[in-house]
Structure formats: structure tokens, C-alpha cells
Amino acid sequence: MTKTTEGPARYTFTFTGHAHPSFWHDGALSNGLEETVQSIDGTQKYQILFR
């Protein structure tokens, strides 16, 4: 998590050693949140799940 000068936090998701693109989300996270990421391999969707 990184604090931004604009206010809310920015959460960065990085996958090392995987073929998935990194992405970020500005603001609060919520259970079930879905992010759509455009990469050179096409569109990928991620869902944030709290466990």
C-alpha cells in the first residue's frame, strides 16, 4: 500500500515469477472487487477476496 498525495491509498499487486501483469487500485478495497487489466496477452480479470 502506498499513500498518494491525492488522499486515498494505492494498492499495488505484483506477481513475480508469474505470467500475470501487475496492476494497482486507488482507494479502498472491498471483498469481491473485480479489476480488469489490459496486457499484451489480452484482457485479464482479477477478483479481490478477503479470507
C-alpha atoms as a PDB file:
ATOM      1  CA  MET A   1       0.000   0.000   0.000  1.00  0.00           C
ATOM      2  CA  THR A   2       1.236   3.469  -0.898  1.00  0.00           C
ATOM      3  CA  LYS A   3      -0.235   6.746   0.321  1.00  0.00           C
ATOM      4  CA  THR A   4      -0.851   9.195  -2.502  1.00  0.00           C
ATOM      5  CA  THR A   5      -0.832  12.982  -2.360  1.00  0.00           C
ATOM      6  CA  GLU A   6      -4.420  12.958  -3.653  1.00  0.00           C
ATOM      7  CA  GLY A   7      -5.666  11.230  -0.493  1.00  0.00           C
ATOM      8  CA  PRO A   8      -6.680   7.545  -0.547  1.00  0.00           C
ATOM      9  CA  ALA A   9      -4.142   4.755  -0.648  1.00  0.00           C
ATOM     10  CA  ARG A  10      -2.949   2.987  -3.772  1.00  0.00           C
ATOM     11  CA  TYR A  11      -2.648  -0.790  -3.550  1.00  0.00           C
ATOM     12  CA  THR A  12      -0.142  -2.349  -5.953  1.00  0.00           C
ATOM     13  CA  PHE A  13      -0.382  -6.020  -6.918  1.00  0.00           C
ATOM     14  CA  THR A  14       2.803  -7.501  -8.344  1.00  0.00           C
ATOM     15  CA  PHE A  15       3.185 -11.122  -9.408  1.00  0.00           C
ATOM     16  CA  THR A  16       6.830 -12.143  -9.504  1.00  0.00           C
ATOM     17  CA  GLY A  17       7.658 -15.306 -11.395  1.00  0.00           C
ATOM     18  CA  HIS A  18       4.181 -15.443 -12.944  1.00  0.00           C
ATOM     19  CA  ALA A  19       2.845 -14.594 -16.373  1.00  0.00           C
ATOM     20  CA  HIS A  20       0.296 -12.128 -14.957  1.00  0.00           C
ATOM     21  CA  PRO A  21       0.560  -8.362 -15.345  1.00  0.00           C
ATOM     22  CA  SER A  22       0.970  -6.158 -12.296  1.00  0.00           C
ATOM     23  CA  PHE A  23      -1.812  -3.689 -11.544  1.00  0.00           C
ATOM     24  CA  TRP A  24      -2.915  -1.138  -8.963  1.00  0.00           C
ATOM     25  CA  HIS A  25      -6.142   0.021  -7.372  1.00  0.00           C
ATOM     26  CA  ASP A  26      -6.674   3.506  -5.968  1.00  0.00           C
ATOM     27  CA  GLY A  27      -8.875   3.811  -2.900  1.00  0.00           C
ATOM     28  CA  ALA A  28     -10.380   1.294  -0.521  1.00  0.00           C
ATOM     29  CA  LEU A  29     -10.506  -2.413  -1.294  1.00  0.00           C
ATOM     30  CA  SER A  30     -13.712  -4.357  -0.845  1.00  0.00           C
ATOM     31  CA  ASN A  31     -14.395  -8.077  -0.769  1.00  0.00           C
ATOM     32  CA  GLY A  32     -15.337  -9.287  -4.253  1.00  0.00           C
ATOM     33  CA  LEU A  33     -13.883  -6.248  -6.029  1.00  0.00           C
ATOM     34  CA  GLU A  34     -13.120  -7.070  -9.677  1.00  0.00           C
ATOM     35  CA  GLU A  35     -10.335  -5.422 -11.671  1.00  0.00           C
ATOM     36  CA  THR A  36      -9.941  -5.687 -15.433  1.00  0.00           C
ATOM     37  CA  VAL A  37      -6.338  -5.457 -16.645  1.00  0.00           C
ATOM     38  CA  GLN A  38      -5.237  -4.950 -20.241  1.00  0.00           C
ATOM     39  CA  SER A  39      -1.965  -6.702 -21.101  1.00  0.00           C
ATOM     40  CA  ILE A  40      -0.109  -7.762 -24.233  1.00  0.00           C
ATOM     41  CA  ASP A  41      -1.841 -11.139 -23.826  1.00  0.00           C
ATOM     42  CA  GLY A  42      -5.307  -9.545 -23.856  1.00  0.00           C
ATOM     43  CA  THR A  43      -7.807  -8.769 -21.130  1.00  0.00           C
ATOM     44  CA  GLN A  44      -7.416 -10.425 -17.740  1.00  0.00           C
ATOM     45  CA  LYS A  45      -9.793 -10.136 -14.781  1.00  0.00           C
ATOM     46  CA  TYR A  46      -8.850 -10.343 -11.114  1.00  0.00           C
ATOM     47  CA  GLN A  47     -11.136 -10.589  -8.122  1.00  0.00           C
ATOM     48  CA  ILE A  48     -10.065  -9.448  -4.645  1.00  0.00           C
ATOM     49  CA  LEU A  49     -11.265 -11.889  -1.982  1.00  0.00           C
ATOM     50  CA  PHE A  50     -10.730 -11.436   1.735  1.00  0.00           C
ATOM     51  CA  ARG A  51     -10.070 -14.674   3.595  1.00  0.00           C
END
